[in-house]
């Protein structure tokens, strides 16, 4: 198992958001294009991962999942949301059953 974590990736993305050159960093380029662009890329990658789950082999799904996680963190960074905030929300949700937690959510 690798020692690389989502927190490590989030740190890299945050650093590139602060000091990355959009001419040299894909992350900095995406972030310079705004939240809508990062959201679009995340959506595209999520669809590709879903399709890979159904039609591709394991290696392809692993690859697409990497893209999804990366683009999710870039989108969160664009909105000023940290991975720690998301993890705190997930931790809070583990204090009750998923069915109870979902029933308490406001409809979108």
PDB file of N, CA and C in Angstrom:
ATOM      1  N   UNK A   1       0.839  -1.184   0.000  1.00  0.00           N
ATOM      2  CA  UNK A   1       0.000   0.000   0.000  1.00  0.00           C
ATOM      3  C   UNK A   1       0.886   1.250   0.000  1.00  0.00           C
ATOM      4  N   UNK A   2       0.445   2.237  -0.688  1.00  0.00           N
ATOM      5  CA  UNK A   2       1.186   3.490  -0.789  1.00  0.00           C
ATOM      6  C   UNK A   2       1.001   4.349   0.458  1.00  0.00           C
ATOM      7  N   UNK A   3       1.965   5.188   0.723  1.00  0.00           N
ATOM      8  CA  UNK A   3       1.860   6.119   1.832  1.00  0.00           C
ATOM      9  C   UNK A   3       1.273   7.459   1.417  1.00  0.00           C
ATOM     10  N   UNK A   4       0.993   7.622   0.119  1.00  0.00           N
ATOM     11  CA  UNK A   4       0.435   8.866  -0.403  1.00  0.00           C
ATOM     12  C   UNK A   4      -1.041   8.943  -0.050  1.00  0.00           C
ATOM     13  N   UNK A   5      -1.482  10.091   0.477  1.00  0.00           N
ATOM     14  CA  UNK A   5      -2.872  10.236   0.922  1.00  0.00           C
ATOM     15  C   UNK A   5      -3.583  11.366   0.177  1.00  0.00           C
ATOM     16  N   UNK A   6      -4.891  11.417   0.357  1.00  0.00           N
ATOM     17  CA  UNK A   6      -5.644  12.539  -0.197  1.00  0.00           C
ATOM     18  C   UNK A   6      -5.185  13.852   0.435  1.00  0.00           C
ATOM     19  N   UNK A   7      -4.798  13.803   1.704  1.00  0.00           N
ATOM     20  CA  UNK A   7      -4.278  15.003   2.362  1.00  0.00           C
ATOM     21  C   UNK A   7      -3.003  15.474   1.677  1.00  0.00           C
ATOM     22  N   UNK A   8      -2.147  14.538   1.260  1.00  0.00           N
ATOM     23  CA  UNK A   8      -0.929  14.909   0.519  1.00  0.00           C
ATOM     24  C   UNK A   8      -1.295  15.599  -0.795  1.00  0.00           C
ATOM     25  N   UNK A   9      -2.254  15.029  -1.506  1.00  0.00           N
ATOM     26  CA  UNK A   9      -2.681  15.621  -2.768  1.00  0.00           C
ATOM     27  C   UNK A   9      -3.297  16.996  -2.542  1.00  0.00           C
ATOM     28  N   UNK A  10      -4.108  17.126  -1.504  1.00  0.00           N
ATOM     29  CA  UNK A  10      -4.729  18.418  -1.196  1.00  0.00           C
ATOM     30  C   UNK A  10      -3.665  19.479  -0.910  1.00  0.00           C
ATOM     31  N   UNK A  11      -2.595  19.097  -0.225  1.00  0.00           N
ATOM     32  CA  UNK A  11      -1.501  20.040   0.063  1.00  0.00           C
ATOM     33  C   UNK A  11      -0.811  20.488  -1.216  1.00  0.00           C
ATOM     34  N   UNK A  12      -0.573  19.557  -2.121  1.00  0.00           N
ATOM     35  CA  UNK A  12       0.056  19.901  -3.401  1.00  0.00           C
ATOM     36  C   UNK A  12      -0.831  20.870  -4.182  1.00  0.00           C
ATOM     37  N   UNK A  13      -2.121  20.577  -4.227  1.00  0.00           N
ATOM     38  CA  UNK A  13      -3.061  21.432  -4.945  1.00  0.00           C
ATOM     39  C   UNK A  13      -3.100  22.826  -4.315  1.00  0.00           C
ATOM     40  N   UNK A  14      -3.136  22.885  -2.990  1.00  0.00           N
ATOM     41  CA  UNK A  14      -3.163  24.183  -2.296  1.00  0.00           C
ATOM     42  C   UNK A  14      -1.906  24.989  -2.607  1.00  0.00           C
ATOM     43  N   UNK A  15      -0.762  24.326  -2.628  1.00  0.00           N
ATOM     44  CA  UNK A  15       0.485  25.036  -2.935  1.00  0.00           C
ATOM     45  C   UNK A  15       0.467  25.568  -4.362  1.00  0.00           C
ATOM     46  N   UNK A  16       0.017  24.761  -5.286  1.00  0.00           N
ATOM     47  CA  UNK A  16      -0.027  25.202  -6.682  1.00  0.00           C
ATOM     48  C   UNK A  16      -1.066  26.292  -6.885  1.00  0.00           C
ATOM     49  N   UNK A  17      -2.108  26.284  -6.057  1.00  0.00           N
ATOM     50  CA  UNK A  17      -3.102  27.359  -6.110  1.00  0.00           C
ATOM     51  C   UNK A  17      -2.479  28.680  -5.686  1.00  0.00           C
ATOM     52  N   UNK A  18      -1.576  28.620  -4.702  1.00  0.00           N
ATOM     53  CA  UNK A  18      -0.920  29.834  -4.191  1.00  0.00           C
ATOM     54  C   UNK A  18       0.206  30.319  -5.089  1.00  0.00           C
ATOM     55  N   UNK A  19       1.001  29.388  -5.591  1.00  0.00           N
ATOM     56  CA  UNK A  19       2.229  29.819  -6.253  1.00  0.00           C
ATOM     57  C   UNK A  19       2.456  29.207  -7.632  1.00  0.00           C
ATOM     58  N   UNK A  20       1.493  28.470  -8.111  1.00  0.00           N
ATOM     59  CA  UNK A  20       1.685  27.814  -9.400  1.00  0.00           C
ATOM     60  C   UNK A  20       1.527  28.755 -10.575  1.00  0.00           C
ATOM     61  N   UNK A  21       2.278  28.497 -11.602  1.00  0.00           N
ATOM     62  CA  UNK A  21       2.224  29.266 -12.838  1.00  0.00           C
ATOM     63  C   UNK A  21       1.262  28.560 -13.794  1.00  0.00           C
ATOM     64  N   UNK A  22       0.166  29.222 -14.186  1.00  0.00           N
ATOM     65  CA  UNK A  22      -0.782  28.591 -15.116  1.00  0.00           C
ATOM     66  C   UNK A  22      -0.157  28.133 -16.428  1.00  0.00           C
ATOM     67  N   UNK A  23       1.011  28.678 -16.765  1.00  0.00           N
ATOM     68  CA  UNK A  23       1.716  28.250 -17.976  1.00  0.00           C
ATOM     69  C   UNK A  23       2.430  26.912 -17.764  1.00  0.00           C
ATOM     70  N   UNK A  24       2.717  26.578 -16.493  1.00  0.00           N
ATOM     71  CA  UNK A  24       3.502  25.384 -16.197  1.00  0.00           C
ATOM     72  C   UNK A  24       2.764  24.351 -15.341  1.00  0.00           C
ATOM     73  N   UNK A  25       1.676  24.744 -14.707  1.00  0.00           N
ATOM     74  CA  UNK A  25       0.963  23.860 -13.789  1.00  0.00           C
ATOM     75  C   UNK A  25      -0.483  23.688 -14.243  1.00  0.00           C
ATOM     76  N   UNK A  26      -0.876  22.443 -14.485  1.00  0.00           N
ATOM     77  CA  UNK A  26      -2.253  22.154 -14.878  1.00  0.00           C
ATOM     78  C   UNK A  26      -3.210  22.580 -13.774  1.00  0.00           C
ATOM     79  N   UNK A  27      -2.829  22.356 -12.533  1.00  0.00           N
ATOM     80  CA  UNK A  27      -3.668  22.743 -11.396  1.00  0.00           C
ATOM     81  C   UNK A  27      -3.875  24.252 -11.378  1.00  0.00           C
ATOM     82  N   UNK A  28      -2.798  25.004 -11.486  1.00  0.00           N
ATOM     83  CA  UNK A  28      -2.893  26.469 -11.490  1.00  0.00           C
ATOM     84  C   UNK A  28      -3.729  26.952 -12.673  1.00  0.00           C
ATOM     85  N   UNK A  29      -3.584  26.302 -13.809  1.00  0.00           N
ATOM     86  CA  UNK A  29      -4.358  26.685 -14.997  1.00  0.00           C
ATOM     87  C   UNK A  29      -5.849  26.471 -14.755  1.00  0.00           C
ATOM     88  N   UNK A  30      -6.213  25.304 -14.234  1.00  0.00           N
ATOM     89  CA  UNK A  30      -7.626  25.036 -13.944  1.00  0.00           C
ATOM     90  C   UNK A  30      -8.185  26.062 -12.964  1.00  0.00           C
ATOM     91  N   UNK A  31      -7.443  26.315 -11.897  1.00  0.00           N
ATOM     92  CA  UNK A  31      -7.914  27.249 -10.883  1.00  0.00           C
ATOM     93  C   UNK A  31      -8.034  28.665 -11.438  1.00  0.00           C
ATOM     94  N   UNK A  32      -7.155  29.037 -12.342  1.00  0.00           N
ATOM     95  CA  UNK A  32      -7.223  30.380 -12.932  1.00  0.00           C
ATOM     96  C   UNK A  32      -8.445  30.544 -13.824  1.00  0.00           C
ATOM     97  N   UNK A  33      -9.024  29.424 -14.259  1.00  0.00           N
ATOM     98  CA  UNK A  33     -10.202  29.463 -15.134  1.00  0.00           C
ATOM     99  C   UNK A  33     -11.508  29.524 -14.357  1.00  0.00           C
ATOM    100  N   UNK A  34     -11.434  29.430 -13.027  1.00  0.00           N
ATOM    101  CA  UNK A  34     -12.614  29.637 -12.183  1.00  0.00           C
ATOM    102  C   UNK A  34     -13.343  28.375 -11.759  1.00  0.00           C
ATOM    103  N   UNK A  35     -14.277  28.592 -10.856  1.00  0.00           N
ATOM    104  CA  UNK A  35     -15.034  27.494 -10.252  1.00  0.00           C
ATOM    105  C   UNK A  35     -15.830  26.717 -11.301  1.00  0.00           C
ATOM    106  N   UNK A  36     -16.464  27.427 -12.217  1.00  0.00           N
ATOM    107  CA  UNK A  36     -17.290  26.744 -13.224  1.00  0.00           C
ATOM    108  C   UNK A  36     -16.465  25.756 -14.038  1.00  0.00           C
ATOM    109  N   UNK A  37     -15.256  26.154 -14.388  1.00  0.00           N
ATOM    110  CA  UNK A  37     -14.383  25.252 -15.169  1.00  0.00           C
ATOM    111  C   UNK A  37     -13.979  24.042 -14.343  1.00  0.00           C
ATOM    112  N   UNK A  38     -13.634  24.273 -13.069  1.00  0.00           N
ATOM    113  CA  UNK A  38     -13.237  23.137 -12.243  1.00  0.00           C
ATOM    114  C   UNK A  38     -14.417  22.198 -12.016  1.00  0.00           C
ATOM    115  N   UNK A  39     -15.604  22.751 -11.870  1.00  0.00           N
ATOM    116  CA  UNK A  39     -16.798  21.922 -11.685  1.00  0.00           C
ATOM    117  C   UNK A  39     -17.094  21.105 -12.940  1.00  0.00           C
ATOM    118  N   UNK A  40     -16.932  21.722 -14.093  1.00  0.00           N
ATOM    119  CA  UNK A  40     -17.153  21.015 -15.357  1.00  0.00           C
ATOM    120  C   UNK A  40     -16.177  19.845 -15.497  1.00  0.00           C
ATOM    121  N   UNK A  41     -14.903  20.102 -15.196  1.00  0.00           N
ATOM    122  CA  UNK A  41     -13.899  19.031 -15.293  1.00  0.00           C
ATOM    123  C   UNK A  41     -14.218  17.902 -14.314  1.00  0.00           C
ATOM    124  N   UNK A  42     -14.612  18.253 -13.090  1.00  0.00           N
ATOM    125  CA  UNK A  42     -14.979  17.227 -12.123  1.00  0.00           C
ATOM    126  C   UNK A  42     -16.143  16.387 -12.653  1.00  0.00           C
ATOM    127  N   UNK A  43     -17.153  17.037 -13.178  1.00  0.00           N
ATOM    128  CA  UNK A  43     -18.308  16.318 -13.716  1.00  0.00           C
ATOM    129  C   UNK A  43     -17.935  15.388 -14.859  1.00  0.00           C
ATOM    130  N   UNK A  44     -17.089  15.866 -15.750  1.00  0.00           N
ATOM    131  CA  UNK A  44     -16.636  15.032 -16.871  1.00  0.00           C
ATOM    132  C   UNK A  44     -15.905  13.793 -16.359  1.00  0.00           C
ATOM    133  N   UNK A  45     -15.025  14.001 -15.393  1.00  0.00           N
ATOM    134  CA  UNK A  45     -14.247  12.875 -14.858  1.00  0.00           C
ATOM    135  C   UNK A  45     -15.133  11.896 -14.096  1.00  0.00           C
ATOM    136  N   UNK A  46     -16.131  12.405 -13.386  1.00  0.00           N
ATOM    137  CA  UNK A  46     -17.047  11.522 -12.654  1.00  0.00           C
ATOM    138  C   UNK A  46     -17.831  10.632 -13.619  1.00  0.00           C
ATOM    139  N   UNK A  47     -18.261  11.209 -14.724  1.00  0.00           N
ATOM    140  CA  UNK A  47     -18.979  10.420 -15.737  1.00  0.00           C
ATOM    141  C   UNK A  47     -18.047   9.357 -16.330  1.00  0.00           C
ATOM    142  N   UNK A  48     -16.809   9.745 -16.633  1.00  0.00           N
ATOM    143  CA  UNK A  48     -15.859   8.776 -17.177  1.00  0.00           C
ATOM    144  C   UNK A  48     -15.603   7.635 -16.190  1.00  0.00           C
ATOM    145  N   UNK A  49     -15.531   7.940 -14.908  1.00  0.00           N
ATOM    146  CA  UNK A  49     -15.328   6.891 -13.903  1.00  0.00           C
ATOM    147  C   UNK A  49     -16.546   5.972 -13.825  1.00  0.00           C
ATOM    148  N   UNK A  50     -17.730   6.548 -13.861  1.00  0.00           N
ATOM    149  CA  UNK A  50     -18.944   5.732 -13.818  1.00  0.00           C
ATOM    150  C   UNK A  50     -19.011   4.801 -15.022  1.00  0.00           C
ATOM    151  N   UNK A  51     -18.681   5.322 -16.183  1.00  0.00           N
ATOM    152  CA  UNK A  51     -18.676   4.481 -17.384  1.00  0.00           C
ATOM    153  C   UNK A  51     -17.610   3.400 -17.298  1.00  0.00           C
ATOM    154  N   UNK A  52     -16.447   3.750 -16.774  1.00  0.00           N
ATOM    155  CA  UNK A  52     -15.374   2.767 -16.629  1.00  0.00           C
ATOM    156  C   UNK A  52     -15.782   1.650 -15.681  1.00  0.00           C
ATOM    157  N   UNK A  53     -16.555   1.988 -14.658  1.00  0.00           N
ATOM    158  CA  UNK A  53     -17.006   0.966 -13.704  1.00  0.00           C
ATOM    159  C   UNK A  53     -17.852  -0.099 -14.385  1.00  0.00           C
ATOM    160  N   UNK A  54     -18.560   0.316 -15.416  1.00  0.00           N
ATOM    161  CA  UNK A  54     -19.479  -0.592 -16.101  1.00  0.00           C
ATOM    162  C   UNK A  54     -18.847  -1.260 -17.314  1.00  0.00           C
ATOM    163  N   UNK A  55     -17.982  -0.536 -18.031  1.00  0.00           N
ATOM    164  CA  UNK A  55     -17.533  -1.036 -19.327  1.00  0.00           C
ATOM    165  C   UNK A  55     -16.040  -1.309 -19.453  1.00  0.00           C
ATOM    166  N   UNK A  56     -15.243  -0.906 -18.473  1.00  0.00           N
ATOM    167  CA  UNK A  56     -13.794  -1.034 -18.605  1.00  0.00           C
ATOM    168  C   UNK A  56     -13.235  -2.011 -17.566  1.00  0.00           C
ATOM    169  N   UNK A  57     -11.938  -2.235 -17.657  1.00  0.00           N
ATOM    170  CA  UNK A  57     -11.291  -3.115 -16.690  1.00  0.00           C
ATOM    171  C   UNK A  57     -10.910  -2.354 -15.419  1.00  0.00           C
ATOM    172  N   UNK A  58     -10.421  -3.082 -14.451  1.00  0.00           N
ATOM    173  CA  UNK A  58     -10.080  -2.512 -13.148  1.00  0.00           C
ATOM    174  C   UNK A  58      -9.043  -1.399 -13.266  1.00  0.00           C
ATOM    175  N   UNK A  59      -8.025  -1.593 -14.071  1.00  0.00           N
ATOM    176  CA  UNK A  59      -6.969  -0.590 -14.217  1.00  0.00           C
ATOM    177  C   UNK A  59      -7.537   0.736 -14.727  1.00  0.00           C
ATOM    178  N   UNK A  60      -8.459   0.657 -15.671  1.00  0.00           N
ATOM    179  CA  UNK A  60      -9.060   1.883 -16.211  1.00  0.00           C
ATOM    180  C   UNK A  60      -9.891   2.588 -15.148  1.00  0.00           C
ATOM    181  N   UNK A  61     -10.647   1.822 -14.355  1.00  0.00           N
ATOM    182  CA  UNK A  61     -11.444   2.424 -13.282  1.00  0.00           C
ATOM    183  C   UNK A  61     -10.539   3.059 -12.230  1.00  0.00           C
ATOM    184  N   UNK A  62      -9.432   2.407 -11.894  1.00  0.00           N
ATOM    185  CA  UNK A  62      -8.487   2.983 -10.942  1.00  0.00           C
ATOM    186  C   UNK A  62      -7.958   4.315 -11.482  1.00  0.00           C
ATOM    187  N   UNK A  63      -7.598   4.342 -12.746  1.00  0.00           N
ATOM    188  CA  UNK A  63      -7.091   5.558 -13.364  1.00  0.00           C
ATOM    189  C   UNK A  63      -8.129   6.683 -13.353  1.00  0.00           C
ATOM    190  N   UNK A  64      -9.334   6.360 -13.738  1.00  0.00           N
ATOM    191  CA  UNK A  64     -10.407   7.364 -13.768  1.00  0.00           C
ATOM    192  C   UNK A  64     -10.745   7.845 -12.358  1.00  0.00           C
ATOM    193  N   UNK A  65     -10.667   6.958 -11.387  1.00  0.00           N
ATOM    194  CA  UNK A  65     -10.931   7.357 -10.004  1.00  0.00           C
ATOM    195  C   UNK A  65      -9.879   8.355  -9.526  1.00  0.00           C
ATOM    196  N   UNK A  66      -8.633   8.146  -9.927  1.00  0.00           N
ATOM    197  CA  UNK A  66      -7.596   9.124  -9.615  1.00  0.00           C
ATOM    198  C   UNK A  66      -7.933  10.492 -10.177  1.00  0.00           C
ATOM    199  N   UNK A  67      -8.427  10.511 -11.412  1.00  0.00           N
ATOM    200  CA  UNK A  67      -8.834  11.770 -12.034  1.00  0.00           C
ATOM    201  C   UNK A  67      -9.971  12.423 -11.254  1.00  0.00           C
ATOM    202  N   UNK A  68     -10.946  11.622 -10.835  1.00  0.00           N
ATOM    203  CA  UNK A  68     -12.089  12.148 -10.075  1.00  0.00           C
ATOM    204  C   UNK A  68     -11.625  12.774  -8.768  1.00  0.00           C
ATOM    205  N   UNK A  69     -10.788  12.070  -8.033  1.00  0.00           N
ATOM    206  CA  UNK A  69     -10.331  12.585  -6.740  1.00  0.00           C
ATOM    207  C   UNK A  69      -9.527  13.870  -6.916  1.00  0.00           C
ATOM    208  N   UNK A  70      -8.650  13.891  -7.897  1.00  0.00           N
ATOM    209  CA  UNK A  70      -7.861  15.092  -8.177  1.00  0.00           C
ATOM    210  C   UNK A  70      -8.776  16.266  -8.514  1.00  0.00           C
ATOM    211  N   UNK A  71      -9.699  16.072  -9.448  1.00  0.00           N
ATOM    212  CA  UNK A  71     -10.560  17.171  -9.881  1.00  0.00           C
ATOM    213  C   UNK A  71     -11.537  17.591  -8.792  1.00  0.00           C
ATOM    214  N   UNK A  72     -11.951  16.666  -7.931  1.00  0.00           N
ATOM    215  CA  UNK A  72     -12.785  17.032  -6.788  1.00  0.00           C
ATOM    216  C   UNK A  72     -12.020  17.983  -5.869  1.00  0.00           C
ATOM    217  N   UNK A  73     -10.773  17.642  -5.565  1.00  0.00           N
ATOM    218  CA  UNK A  73      -9.983  18.496  -4.683  1.00  0.00           C
ATOM    219  C   UNK A  73      -9.682  19.848  -5.322  1.00  0.00           C
ATOM    220  N   UNK A  74      -9.469  19.889  -6.626  1.00  0.00           N
ATOM    221  CA  UNK A  74      -9.261  21.167  -7.312  1.00  0.00           C
ATOM    222  C   UNK A  74     -10.529  22.013  -7.224  1.00  0.00           C
ATOM    223  N   UNK A  75     -11.682  21.399  -7.445  1.00  0.00           N
ATOM    224  CA  UNK A  75     -12.946  22.125  -7.363  1.00  0.00           C
ATOM    225  C   UNK A  75     -13.178  22.656  -5.951  1.00  0.00           C
ATOM    226  N   UNK A  76     -12.908  21.846  -4.947  1.00  0.00           N
ATOM    227  CA  UNK A  76     -13.062  22.302  -3.563  1.00  0.00           C
ATOM    228  C   UNK A  76     -12.126  23.474  -3.284  1.00  0.00           C
ATOM    229  N   UNK A  77     -10.896  23.386  -3.764  1.00  0.00           N
ATOM    230  CA  UNK A  77      -9.931  24.469  -3.583  1.00  0.00           C
ATOM    231  C   UNK A  77     -10.447  25.745  -4.238  1.00  0.00           C
ATOM    232  N   UNK A  78     -11.012  25.618  -5.416  1.00  0.00           N
ATOM    233  CA  UNK A  78     -11.552  26.782  -6.117  1.00  0.00           C
ATOM    234  C   UNK A  78     -12.658  27.460  -5.312  1.00  0.00           C
ATOM    235  N   UNK A  79     -13.373  26.682  -4.516  1.00  0.00           N
ATOM    236  CA  UNK A  79     -14.442  27.218  -3.672  1.00  0.00           C
ATOM    237  C   UNK A  79     -13.980  27.567  -2.267  1.00  0.00           C
ATOM    238  N   UNK A  80     -12.694  27.351  -1.984  1.00  0.00           N
ATOM    239  CA  UNK A  80     -12.170  27.680  -0.664  1.00  0.00           C
ATOM    240  C   UNK A  80     -12.566  26.676   0.410  1.00  0.00           C
ATOM    241  N   UNK A  81     -12.833  25.450   0.000  1.00  0.00           N
ATOM    242  CA  UNK A  81     -13.212  24.385   0.929  1.00  0.00           C
ATOM    243  C   UNK A  81     -12.034  23.438   1.080  1.00  0.00           C
ATOM    244  N   UNK A  82     -11.703  23.100   2.319  1.00  0.00           N
ATOM    245  CA  UNK A  82     -10.572  22.209   2.561  1.00  0.00           C
ATOM    246  C   UNK A  82     -11.023  20.760   2.690  1.00  0.00           C
ATOM    247  N   UNK A  83     -10.081  19.876   2.467  1.00  0.00           N
ATOM    248  CA  UNK A  83     -10.348  18.453   2.668  1.00  0.00           C
ATOM    249  C   UNK A  83     -10.724  18.193   4.123  1.00  0.00           C
ATOM    250  N   UNK A  84     -10.106  18.909   5.045  1.00  0.00           N
ATOM    251  CA  UNK A  84     -10.441  18.742   6.466  1.00  0.00           C
ATOM    252  C   UNK A  84     -11.914  19.039   6.739  1.00  0.00           C
ATOM    253  N   UNK A  85     -12.467  20.043   6.069  1.00  0.00           N
ATOM    254  CA  UNK A  85     -13.888  20.356   6.246  1.00  0.00           C
ATOM    255  C   UNK A  85     -14.771  19.201   5.769  1.00  0.00           C
ATOM    256  N   UNK A  86     -14.407  18.622   4.652  1.00  0.00           N
ATOM    257  CA  UNK A  86     -15.178  17.497   4.110  1.00  0.00           C
ATOM    258  C   UNK A  86     -15.042  16.283   5.031  1.00  0.00           C
ATOM    259  N   UNK A  87     -13.828  16.032   5.507  1.00  0.00           N
ATOM    260  CA  UNK A  87     -13.615  14.890   6.400  1.00  0.00           C
ATOM    261  C   UNK A  87     -14.374  15.069   7.713  1.00  0.00           C
ATOM    262  N   UNK A  88     -14.451  16.294   8.219  1.00  0.00           N
ATOM    263  CA  UNK A  88     -15.220  16.559   9.437  1.00  0.00           C
ATOM    264  C   UNK A  88     -16.696  16.261   9.204  1.00  0.00           C
ATOM    265  N   UNK A  89     -17.192  16.614   8.042  1.00  0.00           N
ATOM    266  CA  UNK A  89     -18.586  16.314   7.711  1.00  0.00           C
ATOM    267  C   UNK A  89     -18.810  14.805   7.655  1.00  0.00           C
ATOM    268  N   UNK A  90     -17.888  14.089   7.029  1.00  0.00           N
ATOM    269  CA  UNK A  90     -18.025  12.628   6.961  1.00  0.00           C
ATOM    270  C   UNK A  90     -17.940  11.999   8.345  1.00  0.00           C
ATOM    271  N   UNK A  91     -17.040  12.514   9.166  1.00  0.00           N
ATOM    272  CA  UNK A  91     -16.921  11.994  10.531  1.00  0.00           C
ATOM    273  C   UNK A  91     -18.216  12.207  11.299  1.00  0.00           C
ATOM    274  N   UNK A  92     -18.815  13.379  11.143  1.00  0.00           N
ATOM    275  CA  UNK A  92     -20.086  13.679  11.805  1.00  0.00           C
ATOM    276  C   UNK A  92     -21.170  12.694  11.362  1.00  0.00           C
ATOM    277  N   UNK A  93     -21.163  12.364  10.103  1.00  0.00           N
ATOM    278  CA  UNK A  93     -22.182  11.454   9.574  1.00  0.00           C
ATOM    279  C   UNK A  93     -22.040  10.037  10.111  1.00  0.00           C
ATOM    280  N   UNK A  94     -20.846   9.648  10.513  1.00  0.00           N
ATOM    281  CA  UNK A  94     -20.662   8.289  11.026  1.00  0.00           C
ATOM    282  C   UNK A  94     -21.238   8.114  12.427  1.00  0.00           C
ATOM    283  N   UNK A  95     -21.711   9.199  13.027  1.00  0.00           N
ATOM    284  CA  UNK A  95     -22.284   9.128  14.370  1.00  0.00           C
ATOM    285  C   UNK A  95     -23.718   8.608  14.361  1.00  0.00           C
ATOM    286  N   UNK A  96     -24.277   8.410  13.178  1.00  0.00           N
ATOM    287  CA  UNK A  96     -25.635   7.882  13.051  1.00  0.00           C
ATOM    288  C   UNK A  96     -25.704   6.986  11.824  1.00  0.00           C
ATOM    289  N   UNK A  97     -26.782   6.268  11.688  1.00  0.00           N
ATOM    290  CA  UNK A  97     -26.906   5.398  10.526  1.00  0.00           C
ATOM    291  C   UNK A  97     -27.055   6.244   9.274  1.00  0.00           C
ATOM    292  N   UNK A  98     -26.612   5.701   8.160  1.00  0.00           N
ATOM    293  CA  UNK A  98     -26.727   6.403   6.893  1.00  0.00           C
ATOM    294  C   UNK A  98     -28.163   6.707   6.521  1.00  0.00           C
ATOM    295  N   UNK A  99     -29.072   5.814   6.847  1.00  0.00           N
ATOM    296  CA  UNK A  99     -30.481   6.025   6.528  1.00  0.00           C
ATOM    297  C   UNK A  99     -31.030   7.197   7.339  1.00  0.00           C
ATOM    298  N   UNK A 100     -30.709   7.248   8.638  1.00  0.00           N
ATOM    299  CA  UNK A 100     -31.169   8.359   9.478  1.00  0.00           C
ATOM    300  C   UNK A 100     -30.554   9.676   9.010  1.00  0.00           C
ATOM    301  N   UNK A 101     -29.259   9.654   8.709  1.00  0.00           N
ATOM    302  CA  UNK A 101     -28.574  10.869   8.268  1.00  0.00           C
ATOM    303  C   UNK A 101     -29.180  11.395   6.979  1.00  0.00           C
ATOM    304  N   UNK A 102     -29.444  10.513   6.032  1.00  0.00           N
ATOM    305  CA  UNK A 102     -29.997  10.938   4.748  1.00  0.00           C
ATOM    306  C   UNK A 102     -31.399  11.516   4.919  1.00  0.00           C
ATOM    307  N   UNK A 103     -32.183  10.949   5.813  1.00  0.00           N
ATOM    308  CA  UNK A 103     -33.537  11.424   6.048  1.00  0.00           C
ATOM    309  C   UNK A 103     -33.554  12.853   6.613  1.00  0.00           C
ATOM    310  N   UNK A 104     -32.476  13.248   7.294  1.00  0.00           N
ATOM    311  CA  UNK A 104     -32.406  14.584   7.888  1.00  0.00           C
ATOM    312  C   UNK A 104     -31.928  15.649   6.917  1.00  0.00           C
ATOM    313  N   UNK A 105     -31.394  15.258   5.787  1.00  0.00           N
ATOM    314  CA  UNK A 105     -30.898  16.239   4.810  1.00  0.00           C
ATOM    315  C   UNK A 105     -32.038  16.988   4.163  1.00  0.00           C
ATOM    316  N   UNK A 106     -31.750  18.226   3.834  1.00  0.00           N
ATOM    317  CA  UNK A 106     -32.722  19.015   3.086  1.00  0.00           C
ATOM    318  C   UNK A 106     -32.661  18.579   1.628  1.00  0.00           C
ATOM    319  N   UNK A 107     -33.806  18.487   0.965  1.00  0.00           N
ATOM    320  CA  UNK A 107     -33.781  18.131  -0.460  1.00  0.00           C
ATOM    321  C   UNK A 107     -33.083  19.222  -1.265  1.00  0.00           C
ATOM    322  N   UNK A 108     -32.403  18.795  -2.314  1.00  0.00           N
ATOM    323  CA  UNK A 108     -31.691  19.747  -3.173  1.00  0.00           C
ATOM    324  C   UNK A 108     -32.613  20.300  -4.214  1.00  0.00           C
TER     325      UNK A 108
END
